[in-house]
Amino acid sequence: MTHPVVFFEVLGRDGTALRSFYAELFDWKIDTMSEPTDYGMVAREDGGIDGGVGKAPDGGQGHAIFYVHTDDPQGTLDRASELGGSVVMPPFELPGGGLIALLADPEGHTVGLYRPAG
């Protein structure tokens, strides 16, 4: 891949709540930083990419987009709903193989889930 994804970011109105949501949902280890305030770095694990979760600097809606590997997309959607998120798109088989689904975190950011074929 010429331009691989190397970082992701989720910014919103309540950085603390967002970090808690993602840490609970995906068992991510997030180290909160002192500068910038209300921001945390997600520890890279198992070939993953670096990322950050925190408060939008302008106090606005923020942004997020990335796909997360999961062996159980429906189970992850169910867990997201339990944690205050919602289902944007239920699991969908891709024509070329694999499966995707979309969820929204408690602030409405869309996050993709991906299970490869096989």
PDB file of N, CA and C in Angstrom:
ATOM      1  N   MET A   1       0.853  -1.179   0.000  1.00  0.00           N
ATOM      2  CA  MET A   1       0.000   0.000   0.000  1.00  0.00           C
ATOM      3  C   MET A   1       0.894   1.235   0.000  1.00  0.00           C
ATOM      4  N   THR A   2       0.643   2.127  -0.909  1.00  0.00           N
ATOM      5  CA  THR A   2       1.444   3.336  -1.035  1.00  0.00           C
ATOM      6  C   THR A   2       1.201   4.313   0.103  1.00  0.00           C
ATOM      7  N   HIS A   3      -0.043   4.444   0.536  1.00  0.00           N
ATOM      8  CA  HIS A   3      -0.390   5.406   1.588  1.00  0.00           C
ATOM      9  C   HIS A   3      -1.169   4.695   2.698  1.00  0.00           C
ATOM     10  N   PRO A   4      -0.479   3.938   3.564  1.00  0.00           N
ATOM     11  CA  PRO A   4      -1.185   3.210   4.620  1.00  0.00           C
ATOM     12  C   PRO A   4      -1.710   4.155   5.701  1.00  0.00           C
ATOM     13  N   VAL A   5      -2.721   3.737   6.367  1.00  0.00           N
ATOM     14  CA  VAL A   5      -3.223   4.485   7.514  1.00  0.00           C
ATOM     15  C   VAL A   5      -2.192   4.355   8.628  1.00  0.00           C
ATOM     16  N   VAL A   6      -1.777   5.469   9.198  1.00  0.00           N
ATOM     17  CA  VAL A   6      -0.750   5.433  10.237  1.00  0.00           C
ATOM     18  C   VAL A   6      -1.191   6.087  11.545  1.00  0.00           C
ATOM     19  N   PHE A   7      -2.373   6.676  11.568  1.00  0.00           N
ATOM     20  CA  PHE A   7      -2.844   7.344  12.786  1.00  0.00           C
ATOM     21  C   PHE A   7      -4.348   7.504  12.694  1.00  0.00           C
ATOM     22  N   PHE A   8      -4.982   7.508  13.815  1.00  0.00           N
ATOM     23  CA  PHE A   8      -6.406   7.838  13.858  1.00  0.00           C
ATOM     24  C   PHE A   8      -6.627   8.809  14.995  1.00  0.00           C
ATOM     25  N   GLU A   9      -7.742   9.513  14.926  1.00  0.00           N
ATOM     26  CA  GLU A   9      -8.046  10.480  15.971  1.00  0.00           C
ATOM     27  C   GLU A   9      -9.548  10.569  16.147  1.00  0.00           C
ATOM     28  N   VAL A  10      -9.944  10.663  17.399  1.00  0.00           N
ATOM     29  CA  VAL A  10     -11.346  10.887  17.753  1.00  0.00           C
ATOM     30  C   VAL A  10     -11.371  12.109  18.649  1.00  0.00           C
ATOM     31  N   LEU A  11     -12.006  13.172  18.168  1.00  0.00           N
ATOM     32  CA  LEU A  11     -12.132  14.390  18.962  1.00  0.00           C
ATOM     33  C   LEU A  11     -13.600  14.713  19.141  1.00  0.00           C
ATOM     34  N   GLY A  12     -13.975  15.174  20.315  1.00  0.00           N
ATOM     35  CA  GLY A  12     -15.365  15.521  20.587  1.00  0.00           C
ATOM     36  C   GLY A  12     -15.479  16.479  21.749  1.00  0.00           C
ATOM     37  N   ARG A  13     -16.694  16.640  22.239  1.00  0.00           N
ATOM     38  CA  ARG A  13     -16.954  17.604  23.318  1.00  0.00           C
ATOM     39  C   ARG A  13     -16.432  17.143  24.674  1.00  0.00           C
ATOM     40  N   ASP A  14     -16.410  15.829  24.946  1.00  0.00           N
ATOM     41  CA  ASP A  14     -16.005  15.311  26.255  1.00  0.00           C
ATOM     42  C   ASP A  14     -14.933  14.241  26.066  1.00  0.00           C
ATOM     43  N   GLY A  15     -13.686  14.662  26.084  1.00  0.00           N
ATOM     44  CA  GLY A  15     -12.571  13.747  25.865  1.00  0.00           C
ATOM     45  C   GLY A  15     -12.510  12.626  26.876  1.00  0.00           C
ATOM     46  N   THR A  16     -12.789  12.916  28.133  1.00  0.00           N
ATOM     47  CA  THR A  16     -12.747  11.900  29.184  1.00  0.00           C
ATOM     48  C   THR A  16     -13.763  10.798  28.907  1.00  0.00           C
ATOM     49  N   ALA A  17     -14.980  11.168  28.559  1.00  0.00           N
ATOM     50  CA  ALA A  17     -16.033  10.185  28.273  1.00  0.00           C
ATOM     51  C   ALA A  17     -15.694   9.367  27.027  1.00  0.00           C
ATOM     52  N   LEU A  18     -15.144  10.018  26.009  1.00  0.00           N
ATOM     53  CA  LEU A  18     -14.776   9.290  24.797  1.00  0.00           C
ATOM     54  C   LEU A  18     -13.665   8.285  25.077  1.00  0.00           C
ATOM     55  N   ARG A  19     -12.649   8.692  25.841  1.00  0.00           N
ATOM     56  CA  ARG A  19     -11.566   7.756  26.177  1.00  0.00           C
ATOM     57  C   ARG A  19     -12.109   6.569  26.957  1.00  0.00           C
ATOM     58  N   SER A  20     -13.013   6.811  27.871  1.00  0.00           N
ATOM     59  CA  SER A  20     -13.617   5.729  28.649  1.00  0.00           C
ATOM     60  C   SER A  20     -14.395   4.773  27.745  1.00  0.00           C
ATOM     61  N   PHE A  21     -15.187   5.318  26.825  1.00  0.00           N
ATOM     62  CA  PHE A  21     -15.977   4.508  25.900  1.00  0.00           C
ATOM     63  C   PHE A  21     -15.082   3.573  25.087  1.00  0.00           C
ATOM     64  N   TYR A  22     -14.036   4.119  24.451  1.00  0.00           N
ATOM     65  CA  TYR A  22     -13.178   3.299  23.600  1.00  0.00           C
ATOM     66  C   TYR A  22     -12.318   2.328  24.395  1.00  0.00           C
ATOM     67  N   ALA A  23     -11.864   2.719  25.563  1.00  0.00           N
ATOM     68  CA  ALA A  23     -11.094   1.811  26.410  1.00  0.00           C
ATOM     69  C   ALA A  23     -11.956   0.615  26.823  1.00  0.00           C
ATOM     70  N   GLU A  24     -13.207   0.865  27.182  1.00  0.00           N
ATOM     71  CA  GLU A  24     -14.126  -0.214  27.573  1.00  0.00           C
ATOM     72  C   GLU A  24     -14.498  -1.089  26.386  1.00  0.00           C
ATOM     73  N   LEU A  25     -14.811  -0.492  25.249  1.00  0.00           N
ATOM     74  CA  LEU A  25     -15.301  -1.231  24.092  1.00  0.00           C
ATOM     75  C   LEU A  25     -14.237  -2.128  23.477  1.00  0.00           C
ATOM     76  N   PHE A  26     -13.023  -1.604  23.280  1.00  0.00           N
ATOM     77  CA  PHE A  26     -11.985  -2.351  22.578  1.00  0.00           C
ATOM     78  C   PHE A  26     -10.809  -2.761  23.463  1.00  0.00           C
ATOM     79  N   ASP A  27     -10.895  -2.562  24.778  1.00  0.00           N
ATOM     80  CA  ASP A  27      -9.800  -2.877  25.703  1.00  0.00           C
ATOM     81  C   ASP A  27      -8.515  -2.133  25.335  1.00  0.00           C
ATOM     82  N   TRP A  28      -8.663  -0.903  24.856  1.00  0.00           N
ATOM     83  CA  TRP A  28      -7.498  -0.095  24.517  1.00  0.00           C
ATOM     84  C   TRP A  28      -6.872   0.481  25.783  1.00  0.00           C
ATOM     85  N   LYS A  29      -5.555   0.589  25.779  1.00  0.00           N
ATOM     86  CA  LYS A  29      -4.815   1.264  26.843  1.00  0.00           C
ATOM     87  C   LYS A  29      -4.566   2.688  26.353  1.00  0.00           C
ATOM     88  N   ILE A  30      -5.127   3.673  27.058  1.00  0.00           N
ATOM     89  CA  ILE A  30      -4.999   5.072  26.632  1.00  0.00           C
ATOM     90  C   ILE A  30      -4.290   5.862  27.719  1.00  0.00           C
ATOM     91  N   ASP A  31      -3.159   6.464  27.349  1.00  0.00           N
ATOM     92  CA  ASP A  31      -2.383   7.281  28.279  1.00  0.00           C
ATOM     93  C   ASP A  31      -2.775   8.740  28.112  1.00  0.00           C
ATOM     94  N   THR A  32      -3.393   9.327  29.153  1.00  0.00           N
ATOM     95  CA  THR A  32      -3.787  10.735  29.102  1.00  0.00           C
ATOM     96  C   THR A  32      -2.553  11.612  29.210  1.00  0.00           C
ATOM     97  N   MET A  33      -2.517  12.626  28.373  1.00  0.00           N
ATOM     98  CA  MET A  33      -1.371  13.534  28.320  1.00  0.00           C
ATOM     99  C   MET A  33      -1.681  14.813  29.104  1.00  0.00           C
ATOM    100  N   SER A  34      -0.618  15.478  29.578  1.00  0.00           N
ATOM    101  CA  SER A  34      -0.819  16.765  30.239  1.00  0.00           C
ATOM    102  C   SER A  34      -0.912  17.891  29.210  1.00  0.00           C
ATOM    103  N   GLU A  35      -0.238  17.742  28.078  1.00  0.00           N
ATOM    104  CA  GLU A  35      -0.317  18.704  26.974  1.00  0.00           C
ATOM    105  C   GLU A  35      -0.403  17.934  25.672  1.00  0.00           C
ATOM    106  N   PRO A  36      -1.351  18.120  24.816  1.00  0.00           N
ATOM    107  CA  PRO A  36      -2.487  18.993  25.068  1.00  0.00           C
ATOM    108  C   PRO A  36      -3.398  18.393  26.128  1.00  0.00           C
ATOM    109  N   THR A  37      -4.067  19.239  26.841  1.00  0.00           N
ATOM    110  CA  THR A  37      -4.942  18.767  27.901  1.00  0.00           C
ATOM    111  C   THR A  37      -6.148  18.049  27.311  1.00  0.00           C
ATOM    112  N   ASP A  38      -6.716  17.132  28.082  1.00  0.00           N
ATOM    113  CA  ASP A  38      -7.891  16.358  27.703  1.00  0.00           C
ATOM    114  C   ASP A  38      -7.668  15.601  26.397  1.00  0.00           C
ATOM    115  N   TYR A  39      -6.491  14.965  26.299  1.00  0.00           N
ATOM    116  CA  TYR A  39      -6.134  14.188  25.112  1.00  0.00           C
ATOM    117  C   TYR A  39      -5.357  12.971  25.580  1.00  0.00           C
ATOM    118  N   GLY A  40      -5.559  11.853  24.919  1.00  0.00           N
ATOM    119  CA  GLY A  40      -4.829  10.647  25.279  1.00  0.00           C
ATOM    120  C   GLY A  40      -4.326   9.922  24.051  1.00  0.00           C
ATOM    121  N   MET A  41      -3.185   9.273  24.201  1.00  0.00           N
ATOM    122  CA  MET A  41      -2.606   8.482  23.124  1.00  0.00           C
ATOM    123  C   MET A  41      -2.940   7.013  23.352  1.00  0.00           C
ATOM    124  N   VAL A  42      -3.409   6.367  22.280  1.00  0.00           N
ATOM    125  CA  VAL A  42      -3.718   4.945  22.319  1.00  0.00           C
ATOM    126  C   VAL A  42      -2.441   4.179  22.039  1.00  0.00           C
ATOM    127  N   ALA A  43      -2.122   3.244  22.918  1.00  0.00           N
ATOM    128  CA  ALA A  43      -0.907   2.448  22.762  1.00  0.00           C
ATOM    129  C   ALA A  43      -1.029   1.511  21.563  1.00  0.00           C
ATOM    130  N   ARG A  44      -0.004   1.473  20.739  1.00  0.00           N
ATOM    131  CA  ARG A  44       0.033   0.572  19.580  1.00  0.00           C
ATOM    132  C   ARG A  44       0.206  -0.854  20.080  1.00  0.00           C
ATOM    133  N   GLU A  45      -0.637  -1.758  19.587  1.00  0.00           N
ATOM    134  CA  GLU A  45      -0.552  -3.167  19.967  1.00  0.00           C
ATOM    135  C   GLU A  45      -0.789  -4.050  18.756  1.00  0.00           C
ATOM    136  N   ASP A  46      -0.137  -5.195  18.720  1.00  0.00           N
ATOM    137  CA  ASP A  46      -0.399  -6.236  17.729  1.00  0.00           C
ATOM    138  C   ASP A  46      -0.461  -5.714  16.300  1.00  0.00           C
ATOM    139  N   GLY A  47       0.487  -4.896  15.895  1.00  0.00           N
ATOM    140  CA  GLY A  47       0.531  -4.414  14.534  1.00  0.00           C
ATOM    141  C   GLY A  47      -0.437  -3.299  14.222  1.00  0.00           C
ATOM    142  N   GLY A  48      -1.105  -2.758  15.239  1.00  0.00           N
ATOM    143  CA  GLY A  48      -2.047  -1.670  15.037  1.00  0.00           C
ATOM    144  C   GLY A  48      -1.340  -0.358  14.743  1.00  0.00           C
ATOM    145  N   ILE A  49      -2.107   0.700  14.676  1.00  0.00           N
ATOM    146  CA  ILE A  49      -1.559   2.023  14.391  1.00  0.00           C
ATOM    147  C   ILE A  49      -1.694   2.920  15.612  1.00  0.00           C
ATOM    148  N   ASP A  50      -0.922   3.982  15.636  1.00  0.00           N
ATOM    149  CA  ASP A  50      -1.022   4.967  16.702  1.00  0.00           C
ATOM    150  C   ASP A  50      -2.301   5.775  16.539  1.00  0.00           C
ATOM    151  N   GLY A  51      -2.797   6.298  17.654  1.00  0.00           N
ATOM    152  CA  GLY A  51      -3.990   7.118  17.585  1.00  0.00           C
ATOM    153  C   GLY A  51      -4.132   8.005  18.799  1.00  0.00           C
ATOM    154  N   GLY A  52      -5.094   8.905  18.736  1.00  0.00           N
ATOM    155  CA  GLY A  52      -5.358   9.811  19.839  1.00  0.00           C
ATOM    156  C   GLY A  52      -6.843  10.034  20.029  1.00  0.00           C
ATOM    157  N   VAL A  53      -7.245  10.252  21.286  1.00  0.00           N
ATOM    158  CA  VAL A  53      -8.652  10.500  21.626  1.00  0.00           C
ATOM    159  C   VAL A  53      -8.687  11.666  22.598  1.00  0.00           C
ATOM    160  N   GLY A  54      -9.489  12.681  22.296  1.00  0.00           N
ATOM    161  CA  GLY A  54      -9.544  13.812  23.194  1.00  0.00           C
ATOM    162  C   GLY A  54     -10.605  14.825  22.827  1.00  0.00           C
ATOM    163  N   LYS A  55     -10.515  15.950  23.479  1.00  0.00           N
ATOM    164  CA  LYS A  55     -11.466  17.035  23.283  1.00  0.00           C
ATOM    165  C   LYS A  55     -11.078  17.856  22.060  1.00  0.00           C
ATOM    166  N   ALA A  56     -12.067  18.215  21.258  1.00  0.00           N
ATOM    167  CA  ALA A  56     -11.819  19.068  20.094  1.00  0.00           C
ATOM    168  C   ALA A  56     -11.322  20.424  20.582  1.00  0.00           C
ATOM    169  N   PRO A  57     -10.250  20.937  19.989  1.00  0.00           N
ATOM    170  CA  PRO A  57      -9.684  22.185  20.486  1.00  0.00           C
ATOM    171  C   PRO A  57     -10.636  23.371  20.434  1.00  0.00           C
ATOM    172  N   ASP A  58     -11.552  23.381  19.494  1.00  0.00           N
ATOM    173  CA  ASP A  58     -12.482  24.508  19.383  1.00  0.00           C
ATOM    174  C   ASP A  58     -13.793  24.261  20.126  1.00  0.00           C
ATOM    175  N   GLY A  59     -13.876  23.119  20.823  1.00  0.00           N
ATOM    176  CA  GLY A  59     -15.103  22.788  21.552  1.00  0.00           C
ATOM    177  C   GLY A  59     -16.238  22.351  20.656  1.00  0.00           C
ATOM    178  N   GLY A  60     -15.941  22.142  19.385  1.00  0.00           N
ATOM    179  CA  GLY A  60     -16.971  21.762  18.418  1.00  0.00           C
ATOM    180  C   GLY A  60     -17.284  20.288  18.426  1.00  0.00           C
ATOM    181  N   GLN A  61     -18.005  19.869  17.403  1.00  0.00           N
ATOM    182  CA  GLN A  61     -18.471  18.496  17.255  1.00  0.00           C
ATOM    183  C   GLN A  61     -17.326  17.501  17.190  1.00  0.00           C
ATOM    184  N   GLY A  62     -16.221  17.879  16.563  1.00  0.00           N
ATOM    185  CA  GLY A  62     -15.091  16.977  16.428  1.00  0.00           C
ATOM    186  C   GLY A  62     -15.226  16.089  15.205  1.00  0.00           C
ATOM    187  N   HIS A  63     -14.409  15.048  15.151  1.00  0.00           N
ATOM    188  CA  HIS A  63     -14.428  14.144  14.023  1.00  0.00           C
ATOM    189  C   HIS A  63     -13.830  12.796  14.402  1.00  0.00           C
ATOM    190  N   ALA A  64     -14.148  11.793  13.621  1.00  0.00           N
ATOM    191  CA  ALA A  64     -13.553  10.468  13.786  1.00  0.00           C
ATOM    192  C   ALA A  64     -13.859   9.623  12.560  1.00  0.00           C
ATOM    193  N   ILE A  65     -12.899   8.835  12.181  1.00  0.00           N
ATOM    194  CA  ILE A  65     -13.163   7.803  11.191  1.00  0.00           C
ATOM    195  C   ILE A  65     -11.998   6.824  11.166  1.00  0.00           C
ATOM    196  N   PHE A  66     -12.337   5.583  11.288  1.00  0.00           N
ATOM    197  CA  PHE A  66     -11.374   4.493  11.228  1.00  0.00           C
ATOM    198  C   PHE A  66     -12.157   3.189  11.279  1.00  0.00           C
ATOM    199  N   TYR A  67     -11.493   2.120  10.856  1.00  0.00           N
ATOM    200  CA  TYR A  67     -12.089   0.789  10.954  1.00  0.00           C
ATOM    201  C   TYR A  67     -11.293  -0.019  11.961  1.00  0.00           C
ATOM    202  N   VAL A  68     -11.997  -0.769  12.776  1.00  0.00           N
ATOM    203  CA  VAL A  68     -11.393  -1.582  13.819  1.00  0.00           C
ATOM    204  C   VAL A  68     -11.674  -3.052  13.510  1.00  0.00           C
ATOM    205  N   HIS A  69     -10.645  -3.879  13.526  1.00  0.00           N
ATOM    206  CA  HIS A  69     -10.811  -5.309  13.313  1.00  0.00           C
ATOM    207  C   HIS A  69     -11.560  -5.911  14.495  1.00  0.00           C
ATOM    208  N   THR A  70     -12.527  -6.766  14.211  1.00  0.00           N
ATOM    209  CA  THR A  70     -13.220  -7.523  15.256  1.00  0.00           C
ATOM    210  C   THR A  70     -13.635  -8.864  14.685  1.00  0.00           C
ATOM    211  N   ASP A  71     -13.503  -9.926  15.472  1.00  0.00           N
ATOM    212  CA  ASP A  71     -13.964 -11.241  15.042  1.00  0.00           C
ATOM    213  C   ASP A  71     -15.470 -11.381  15.186  1.00  0.00           C
ATOM    214  N   ASP A  72     -16.098 -10.500  15.956  1.00  0.00           N
ATOM    215  CA  ASP A  72     -17.528 -10.589  16.239  1.00  0.00           C
ATOM    216  C   ASP A  72     -18.185  -9.211  16.080  1.00  0.00           C
ATOM    217  N   PRO A  73     -18.430  -8.785  14.840  1.00  0.00           N
ATOM    218  CA  PRO A  73     -19.018  -7.464  14.635  1.00  0.00           C
ATOM    219  C   PRO A  73     -20.349  -7.260  15.362  1.00  0.00           C
ATOM    220  N   GLN A  74     -21.226  -8.253  15.342  1.00  0.00           N
ATOM    221  CA  GLN A  74     -22.511  -8.079  16.015  1.00  0.00           C
ATOM    222  C   GLN A  74     -22.326  -7.956  17.522  1.00  0.00           C
ATOM    223  N   GLY A  75     -21.439  -8.757  18.085  1.00  0.00           N
ATOM    224  CA  GLY A  75     -21.157  -8.650  19.515  1.00  0.00           C
ATOM    225  C   GLY A  75     -20.588  -7.292  19.877  1.00  0.00           C
ATOM    226  N   THR A  76     -19.740  -6.752  19.016  1.00  0.00           N
ATOM    227  CA  THR A  76     -19.174  -5.430  19.258  1.00  0.00           C
ATOM    228  C   THR A  76     -20.246  -4.360  19.162  1.00  0.00           C
ATOM    229  N   LEU A  77     -21.153  -4.482  18.179  1.00  0.00           N
ATOM    230  CA  LEU A  77     -22.276  -3.537  18.084  1.00  0.00           C
ATOM    231  C   LEU A  77     -23.143  -3.597  19.341  1.00  0.00           C
ATOM    232  N   ASP A  78     -23.412  -4.809  19.814  1.00  0.00           N
ATOM    233  CA  ASP A  78     -24.220  -4.973  21.031  1.00  0.00           C
ATOM    234  C   ASP A  78     -23.545  -4.308  22.224  1.00  0.00           C
ATOM    235  N   ARG A  79     -22.225  -4.520  22.355  1.00  0.00           N
ATOM    236  CA  ARG A  79     -21.471  -3.931  23.467  1.00  0.00           C
ATOM    237  C   ARG A  79     -21.455  -2.405  23.354  1.00  0.00           C
ATOM    238  N   ALA A  80     -21.306  -1.892  22.127  1.00  0.00           N
ATOM    239  CA  ALA A  80     -21.331  -0.448  21.930  1.00  0.00           C
ATOM    240  C   ALA A  80     -22.658   0.137  22.395  1.00  0.00           C
ATOM    241  N   SER A  81     -23.755  -0.543  22.082  1.00  0.00           N
ATOM    242  CA  SER A  81     -25.081  -0.078  22.517  1.00  0.00           C
ATOM    243  C   SER A  81     -25.189  -0.067  24.037  1.00  0.00           C
ATOM    244  N   GLU A  82     -24.637  -1.094  24.684  1.00  0.00           N
ATOM    245  CA  GLU A  82     -24.645  -1.151  26.153  1.00  0.00           C
ATOM    246  C   GLU A  82     -23.873   0.016  26.762  1.00  0.00           C
ATOM    247  N   LEU A  83     -22.835   0.487  26.056  1.00  0.00           N
ATOM    248  CA  LEU A  83     -21.973   1.555  26.570  1.00  0.00           C
ATOM    249  C   LEU A  83     -22.438   2.945  26.161  1.00  0.00           C
ATOM    250  N   GLY A  84     -23.608   3.037  25.521  1.00  0.00           N
ATOM    251  CA  GLY A  84     -24.158   4.343  25.168  1.00  0.00           C
ATOM    252  C   GLY A  84     -24.020   4.705  23.707  1.00  0.00           C
ATOM    253  N   GLY A  85     -23.466   3.815  22.904  1.00  0.00           N
ATOM    254  CA  GLY A  85     -23.362   4.039  21.468  1.00  0.00           C
ATOM    255  C   GLY A  85     -24.605   3.524  20.759  1.00  0.00           C
ATOM    256  N   SER A  86     -24.565   3.497  19.434  1.00  0.00           N
ATOM    257  CA  SER A  86     -25.706   2.996  18.664  1.00  0.00           C
ATOM    258  C   SER A  86     -25.221   2.370  17.364  1.00  0.00           C
ATOM    259  N   VAL A  87     -26.102   1.592  16.744  1.00  0.00           N
ATOM    260  CA  VAL A  87     -25.798   0.940  15.474  1.00  0.00           C
ATOM    261  C   VAL A  87     -26.144   1.898  14.333  1.00  0.00           C
ATOM    262  N   VAL A  88     -25.181   2.156  13.460  1.00  0.00           N
ATOM    263  CA  VAL A  88     -25.413   2.964  12.266  1.00  0.00           C
ATOM    264  C   VAL A  88     -25.760   2.049  11.094  1.00  0.00           C
ATOM    265  N   MET A  89     -25.028   0.936  10.978  1.00  0.00           N
ATOM    266  CA  MET A  89     -25.273  -0.043   9.923  1.00  0.00           C
ATOM    267  C   MET A  89     -24.970  -1.423  10.476  1.00  0.00           C
ATOM    268  N   PRO A  90     -25.920  -2.350  10.405  1.00  0.00           N
ATOM    269  CA  PRO A  90     -25.659  -3.707  10.889  1.00  0.00           C
ATOM    270  C   PRO A  90     -24.615  -4.406  10.011  1.00  0.00           C
ATOM    271  N   PRO A  91     -24.106  -5.558  10.448  1.00  0.00           N
ATOM    272  CA  PRO A  91     -23.102  -6.266   9.663  1.00  0.00           C
ATOM    273  C   PRO A  91     -23.566  -6.505   8.217  1.00  0.00           C
ATOM    274  N   PHE A  92     -22.642  -6.262   7.287  1.00  0.00           N
ATOM    275  CA  PHE A  92     -22.913  -6.340   5.862  1.00  0.00           C
ATOM    276  C   PHE A  92     -21.772  -7.090   5.191  1.00  0.00           C
ATOM    277  N   GLU A  93     -22.100  -8.174   4.466  1.00  0.00           N
ATOM    278  CA  GLU A  93     -21.089  -8.947   3.747  1.00  0.00           C
ATOM    279  C   GLU A  93     -20.613  -8.159   2.534  1.00  0.00           C
ATOM    280  N   LEU A  94     -19.311  -7.994   2.416  1.00  0.00           N
ATOM    281  CA  LEU A  94     -18.740  -7.302   1.275  1.00  0.00           C
ATOM    282  C   LEU A  94     -18.700  -8.232   0.065  1.00  0.00           C
ATOM    283  N   PRO A  95     -18.958  -7.719  -1.126  1.00  0.00           N
ATOM    284  CA  PRO A  95     -18.952  -8.564  -2.325  1.00  0.00           C
ATOM    285  C   PRO A  95     -17.636  -9.318  -2.527  1.00  0.00           C
ATOM    286  N   GLY A  96     -16.514  -8.700  -2.208  1.00  0.00           N
ATOM    287  CA  GLY A  96     -15.214  -9.342  -2.376  1.00  0.00           C
ATOM    288  C   GLY A  96     -14.780 -10.184  -1.184  1.00  0.00           C
ATOM    289  N   GLY A  97     -15.619 -10.299  -0.180  1.00  0.00           N
ATOM    290  CA  GLY A  97     -15.276 -11.036   1.033  1.00  0.00           C
ATOM    291  C   GLY A  97     -15.091 -10.107   2.208  1.00  0.00           C
ATOM    292  N   GLY A  98     -15.263 -10.622   3.366  1.00  0.00           N
ATOM    293  CA  GLY A  98     -15.178  -9.833   4.578  1.00  0.00           C
ATOM    294  C   GLY A  98     -16.531  -9.252   4.959  1.00  0.00           C
ATOM    295  N   LEU A  99     -16.553  -8.598   6.074  1.00  0.00           N
ATOM    296  CA  LEU A  99     -17.792  -8.057   6.612  1.00  0.00           C
ATOM    297  C   LEU A  99     -17.489  -6.725   7.273  1.00  0.00           C
ATOM    298  N   ILE A 100     -18.375  -5.760   7.090  1.00  0.00           N
ATOM    299  CA  ILE A 100     -18.232  -4.471   7.765  1.00  0.00           C
ATOM    300  C   ILE A 100     -19.517  -4.147   8.516  1.00  0.00           C
ATOM    301  N   ALA A 101     -19.401  -3.259   9.465  1.00  0.00           N
ATOM    302  CA  ALA A 101     -20.539  -2.710  10.202  1.00  0.00           C
ATOM    303  C   ALA A 101     -20.121  -1.328  10.672  1.00  0.00           C
ATOM    304  N   LEU A 102     -21.104  -0.489  10.992  1.00  0.00           N
ATOM    305  CA  LEU A 102     -20.806   0.853  11.489  1.00  0.00           C
ATOM    306  C   LEU A 102     -21.546   1.090  12.792  1.00  0.00           C
ATOM    307  N   LEU A 103     -20.865   1.737  13.722  1.00  0.00           N
ATOM    308  CA  LEU A 103     -21.481   2.135  14.973  1.00  0.00           C
ATOM    309  C   LEU A 103     -21.272   3.621  15.171  1.00  0.00           C
ATOM    310  N   ALA A 104     -22.030   4.202  16.062  1.00  0.00           N
ATOM    311  CA  ALA A 104     -21.816   5.584  16.491  1.00  0.00           C
ATOM    312  C   ALA A 104     -21.480   5.555  17.970  1.00  0.00           C
ATOM    313  N   ASP A 105     -20.459   6.318  18.362  1.00  0.00           N
ATOM    314  CA  ASP A 105     -20.122   6.408  19.775  1.00  0.00           C
ATOM    315  C   ASP A 105     -21.154   7.309  20.468  1.00  0.00           C
ATOM    316  N   PRO A 106     -21.048   7.522  21.782  1.00  0.00           N
ATOM    317  CA  PRO A 106     -22.054   8.323  22.481  1.00  0.00           C
ATOM    318  C   PRO A 106     -22.211   9.752  21.972  1.00  0.00           C
ATOM    319  N   GLU A 107     -21.214  10.287  21.250  1.00  0.00           N
ATOM    320  CA  GLU A 107     -21.328  11.632  20.701  1.00  0.00           C
ATOM    321  C   GLU A 107     -21.715  11.632  19.228  1.00  0.00           C
ATOM    322  N   GLY A 108     -21.960  10.452  18.648  1.00  0.00           N
ATOM    323  CA  GLY A 108     -22.412  10.356  17.278  1.00  0.00           C
ATOM    324  C   GLY A 108     -21.326  10.184  16.233  1.00  0.00           C
ATOM    325  N   HIS A 109     -20.049   9.986  16.628  1.00  0.00           N
ATOM    326  CA  HIS A 109     -18.979   9.746  15.671  1.00  0.00           C
ATOM    327  C   HIS A 109     -19.148   8.354  15.068  1.00  0.00           C
ATOM    328  N   THR A 110     -19.021   8.260  13.761  1.00  0.00           N
ATOM    329  CA  THR A 110     -19.136   6.976  13.082  1.00  0.00           C
ATOM    330  C   THR A 110     -17.816   6.237  13.110  1.00  0.00           C
ATOM    331  N   VAL A 111     -17.873   4.952  13.460  1.00  0.00           N
ATOM    332  CA  VAL A 111     -16.700   4.082  13.538  1.00  0.00           C
ATOM    333  C   VAL A 111     -17.019   2.810  12.775  1.00  0.00           C
ATOM    334  N   GLY A 112     -16.069   2.386  11.944  1.00  0.00           N
ATOM    335  CA  GLY A 112     -16.259   1.162  11.188  1.00  0.00           C
ATOM    336  C   GLY A 112     -15.701  -0.053  11.916  1.00  0.00           C
ATOM    337  N   LEU A 113     -16.353  -1.183  11.693  1.00  0.00           N
ATOM    338  CA  LEU A 113     -15.878  -2.480  12.183  1.00  0.00           C
ATOM    339  C   LEU A 113     -15.603  -3.344  10.972  1.00  0.00           C
ATOM    340  N   TYR A 114     -14.560  -4.147  11.038  1.00  0.00           N
ATOM    341  CA  TYR A 114     -14.181  -4.974   9.900  1.00  0.00           C
ATOM    342  C   TYR A 114     -13.774  -6.360  10.359  1.00  0.00           C
ATOM    343  N   ARG A 115     -14.351  -7.366   9.701  1.00  0.00           N
ATOM    344  CA  ARG A 115     -13.919  -8.750   9.899  1.00  0.00           C
ATOM    345  C   ARG A 115     -13.517  -9.279   8.534  1.00  0.00           C
ATOM    346  N   PRO A 116     -12.238  -9.667   8.373  1.00  0.00           N
ATOM    347  CA  PRO A 116     -11.809 -10.176   7.076  1.00  0.00           C
ATOM    348  C   PRO A 116     -12.504 -11.484   6.721  1.00  0.00           C
ATOM    349  N   ALA A 117     -12.487 -11.816   5.436  1.00  0.00           N
ATOM    350  CA  ALA A 117     -13.050 -13.085   4.972  1.00  0.00           C
ATOM    351  C   ALA A 117     -12.222 -14.236   5.506  1.00  0.00           C
ATOM    352  N   GLY A 118     -12.880 -15.363   5.671  1.00  0.00           N
ATOM    353  CA  GLY A 118     -12.148 -16.557   6.062  1.00  0.00           C
ATOM    354  C   GLY A 118     -12.365 -16.930   7.414  1.00  0.00           C
TER     355      GLY A 118
END
